[in-house]
C-alpha atoms as a PDB file:
ATOM      1  CA  MET A   1     -15.747  -9.325 -15.781  1.00  0.00           C
ATOM      2  CA  GLY A   2     -18.373  -8.095 -13.097  1.00  0.00           C
ATOM      3  CA  PRO A   3     -18.777  -4.287 -12.913  1.00  0.00           C
ATOM      4  CA  THR A   4     -16.463  -4.013  -9.413  1.00  0.00           C
ATOM      5  CA  GLU A   5     -13.597  -5.957 -11.196  1.00  0.00           C
ATOM      6  CA  LEU A   6     -14.038  -3.879 -14.489  1.00  0.00           C
ATOM      7  CA  LYS A   7     -13.554  -0.656 -12.779  1.00  0.00           C
ATOM      8  CA  LEU A   8     -11.020  -1.982 -11.034  1.00  0.00           C
ATOM      9  CA  VAL A   9      -9.039  -2.523 -13.522  1.00  0.00           C
ATOM     10  CA  ALA A  10      -9.443   0.937 -14.687  1.00  0.00           C
ATOM     11  CA  ASP A  11      -8.536   2.627 -12.038  1.00  0.00           C
ATOM     12  CA  VAL A  12      -5.505   0.578 -11.624  1.00  0.00           C
ATOM     13  CA  ALA A  13      -4.490   0.540 -15.699  1.00  0.00           C
ATOM     14  CA  GLY A  14      -6.334   3.135 -16.991  1.00  0.00           C
ATOM     15  CA  GLY A  15      -9.402   2.852 -19.423  1.00  0.00           C
ATOM     16  CA  PRO A  16      -6.707   2.061 -23.093  1.00  0.00           C
ATOM     17  CA  ALA A  17      -4.865  -0.658 -21.620  1.00  0.00           C
ATOM     18  CA  ALA A  18      -7.721  -1.938 -19.591  1.00  0.00           C
ATOM     19  CA  LEU A  19     -10.123  -2.440 -22.349  1.00  0.00           C
ATOM     20  CA  GLU A  20      -6.684  -3.703 -24.424  1.00  0.00           C
ATOM     21  CA  ILE A  21      -6.283  -6.405 -21.412  1.00  0.00           C
ATOM     22  CA  LEU A  22      -9.766  -7.071 -21.613  1.00  0.00           C
ATOM     23  CA  LEU A  23     -10.324  -7.154 -25.558  1.00  0.00           C
ATOM     24  CA  GLU A  24      -7.443  -8.784 -26.438  1.00  0.00           C
ATOM     25  CA  GLY A  25      -7.381 -11.542 -23.514  1.00  0.00           C
ATOM     26  CA  ARG A  26      -3.582 -11.809 -24.332  1.00  0.00           C
ATOM     27  CA  VAL A  27      -0.972 -13.558 -21.948  1.00  0.00           C
ATOM     28  CA  PHE A  28       1.898 -10.541 -21.259  1.00  0.00           C
ATOM     29  CA  GLY A  29       5.388 -10.588 -18.739  1.00  0.00           C
ATOM     30  CA  SER A  30       5.821  -8.887 -15.667  1.00  0.00           C
ATOM     31  CA  ALA A  31       7.213  -5.971 -17.553  1.00  0.00           C
ATOM     32  CA  GLU A  32       4.334  -4.968 -18.967  1.00  0.00           C
ATOM     33  CA  ALA A  33       2.176  -5.739 -16.297  1.00  0.00           C
ATOM     34  CA  LYS A  34       4.274  -3.189 -14.673  1.00  0.00           C
ATOM     35  CA  ASP A  35       3.850  -0.884 -17.155  1.00  0.00           C
ATOM     36  CA  LYS A  36       0.413  -1.074 -17.038  1.00  0.00           C
ATOM     37  CA  ASN A  37       0.557  -0.639 -13.156  1.00  0.00           C
ATOM     38  CA  LEU A  38      -0.566  -3.866 -12.391  1.00  0.00           C
ATOM     39  CA  VAL A  39       2.497  -5.070 -10.545  1.00  0.00           C
ATOM     40  CA  HIS A  40       4.321  -2.652  -8.865  1.00  0.00           C
ATOM     41  CA  ARG A  41       7.519  -4.254  -8.322  1.00  0.00           C
ATOM     42  CA  VAL A  42       9.287  -6.937 -10.082  1.00  0.00           C
ATOM     43  CA  VAL A  43      12.101  -9.773  -9.050  1.00  0.00           C
ATOM     44  CA  ALA A  44      13.776 -12.067 -10.808  1.00  0.00           C
ATOM     45  CA  ASP A  45      13.190 -15.593  -9.958  1.00  0.00           C
ATOM     46  CA  GLU A  46      16.366 -16.311  -7.998  1.00  0.00           C
ATOM     47  CA  ASN A  47      15.592 -13.012  -5.589  1.00  0.00           C
ATOM     48  CA  PHE A  48      12.058 -14.103  -4.863  1.00  0.00           C
ATOM     49  CA  GLU A  49      12.305 -15.606  -1.477  1.00  0.00           C
ATOM     50  CA  ALA A  50      15.017 -13.170  -0.064  1.00  0.00           C
ATOM     51  CA  GLU A  51      12.753 -10.118  -1.413  1.00  0.00           C
ATOM     52  CA  ILE A  52       9.558 -11.539   0.028  1.00  0.00           C
ATOM     53  CA  ALA A  53      11.460 -12.325   3.790  1.00  0.00           C
ATOM     54  CA  ALA A  54      13.050  -8.538   3.438  1.00  0.00           C
ATOM     55  CA  THR A  55       9.724  -6.994   2.595  1.00  0.00           C
ATOM     56  CA  VAL A  56       8.076  -9.226   5.212  1.00  0.00           C
ATOM     57  CA  GLN A  57      10.838  -8.004   7.899  1.00  0.00           C
ATOM     58  CA  ARG A  58      10.309  -4.384   6.945  1.00  0.00           C
ATOM     59  CA  ILE A  59       6.715  -4.709   7.616  1.00  0.00           C
ATOM     60  CA  ALA A  60       7.249  -6.494  10.917  1.00  0.00           C
ATOM     61  CA  ALA A  61       9.316  -3.046  11.865  1.00  0.00           C
ATOM     62  CA  GLY A  62       7.498  -0.788  11.455  1.00  0.00           C
ATOM     63  CA  ALA A  63       4.858   1.020  13.661  1.00  0.00           C
ATOM     64  CA  PRO A  64       1.508  -0.970  13.835  1.00  0.00           C
ATOM     65  CA  LEU A  65      -1.090   1.549  14.538  1.00  0.00           C
ATOM     66  CA  ALA A  66       0.293   3.521  11.649  1.00  0.00           C
ATOM     67  CA  ALA A  67       0.117   0.545   9.285  1.00  0.00           C
ATOM     68  CA  THR A  68      -3.391   0.332  10.413  1.00  0.00           C
ATOM     69  CA  LEU A  69      -4.605   3.468   9.948  1.00  0.00           C
ATOM     70  CA  HIS A  70      -2.835   4.109   6.387  1.00  0.00           C
ATOM     71  CA  LYS A  71      -4.725   0.950   5.509  1.00  0.00           C
ATOM     72  CA  ARG A  72      -7.781   1.815   6.126  1.00  0.00           C
ATOM     73  CA  TYR A  73      -7.080   5.518   4.724  1.00  0.00           C
ATOM     74  CA  VAL A  74      -5.981   4.388   1.387  1.00  0.00           C
ATOM     75  CA  ARG A  75      -8.874   2.036   0.845  1.00  0.00           C
ATOM     76  CA  ARG A  76     -11.399   4.890   2.162  1.00  0.00           C
ATOM     77  CA  LEU A  77      -9.465   7.822   0.515  1.00  0.00           C
ATOM     78  CA  SER A  78     -11.060   6.014  -3.231  1.00  0.00           C
ATOM     79  CA  ASP A  79     -14.287   6.586  -2.076  1.00  0.00           C
ATOM     80  CA  PRO A  80     -15.558  10.217  -3.396  1.00  0.00           C
ATOM     81  CA  ALA A  81     -17.128  10.601  -0.250  1.00  0.00           C
ATOM     82  CA  PRO A  82     -15.562  13.237   1.459  1.00  0.00           C
ATOM     83  CA  LEU A  83     -13.905  12.231   4.557  1.00  0.00           C
ATOM     84  CA  THR A  84     -15.864  13.272   8.390  1.00  0.00           C
ATOM     85  CA  GLU A  85     -14.769  15.183  10.971  1.00  0.00           C
ATOM     86  CA  ALA A  86     -14.746  12.158  12.954  1.00  0.00           C
ATOM     87  CA  GLU A  87     -12.090  10.186  10.138  1.00  0.00           C
ATOM     88  CA  ILE A  88      -9.898  13.484   9.997  1.00  0.00           C
ATOM     89  CA  ALA A  89      -9.671  13.366  13.651  1.00  0.00           C
ATOM     90  CA  GLU A  90      -8.516   9.902  14.066  1.00  0.00           C
ATOM     91  CA  CYS A  91      -5.981  10.283  11.330  1.00  0.00           C
ATOM     92  CA  TYR A  92      -4.310  12.260  13.971  1.00  0.00           C
ATOM     93  CA  ARG A  93      -4.883  10.551  17.053  1.00  0.00           C
ATOM     94  CA  CYS A  94      -1.914   8.761  15.922  1.00  0.00           C
ATOM     95  CA  PHE A  95       0.968  11.621  17.015  1.00  0.00           C
ATOM     96  CA  GLY A  96      -0.180  11.166  20.692  1.00  0.00           C
ATOM     97  CA  THR A  97       0.601   7.322  21.086  1.00  0.00           C
ATOM     98  CA  GLN A  98       3.988   6.000  22.623  1.00  0.00           C
ATOM     99  CA  ASP A  99       4.873   4.484  18.892  1.00  0.00           C
ATOM    100  CA  PHE A 100       4.560   8.139  17.778  1.00  0.00           C
ATOM    101  CA  ARG A 101       6.985   9.588  19.952  1.00  0.00           C
ATOM    102  CA  GLU A 102       9.608   6.209  19.999  1.00  0.00           C
ATOM    103  CA  GLY A 103       9.594   7.100  16.061  1.00  0.00           C
ATOM    104  CA  TYR A 104      10.356  10.314  16.650  1.00  0.00           C
ATOM    105  CA  ARG A 105      12.645   9.765  19.119  1.00  0.00           C
ATOM    106  CA  ALA A 106      14.571   7.074  17.255  1.00  0.00           C
ATOM    107  CA  PHE A 107      14.553   9.243  14.096  1.00  0.00           C
ATOM    108  CA  LEU A 108      16.171  12.280  15.886  1.00  0.00           C
ATOM    109  CA  GLU A 109      18.678  10.065  17.523  1.00  0.00           C
ATOM    110  CA  LYS A 110      20.007   7.897  14.539  1.00  0.00           C
ATOM    111  CA  ARG A 111      18.705   4.210  15.522  1.00  0.00           C
ATOM    112  CA  LYS A 112      15.860   2.039  14.627  1.00  0.00           C
ATOM    113  CA  PRO A 113      12.681   2.320  16.365  1.00  0.00           C
ATOM    114  CA  VAL A 114      11.094  -0.771  18.519  1.00  0.00           C
ATOM    115  CA  PHE A 115       7.191  -0.246  18.359  1.00  0.00           C
ATOM    116  CA  THR A 116       5.110  -1.597  20.658  1.00  0.00           C
ATOM    117  CA  GLY A 117       1.791  -0.861  19.137  1.00  0.00           C
ATOM    118  CA  ARG A 118       0.414   1.461  21.905  1.00  0.00           C
END
């Protein structure tokens, strides 16, 4: 593995588990992969298609602006460099959007929000 991939495995699984994976080279099942943080969810084969459909539905029903921001900053926060003032400000811009107001109202009204990406 190249250094980038080695770092990723070590960051995700931890140093000892990464060395175990790399030095032993053995194949392991889904439960052990979950124990090593290589996967976060294990689904029975017979439930796989239904779980994919349900996951896609949950993601599609979510707030697209917040999802974009969350994906960007989960990646960005893995960089040890401090956030800039502009990056911090960007994190709070979503609170002024129509989607934020819709999500807030829907929560208070105990209903599902309908997001428009604005």
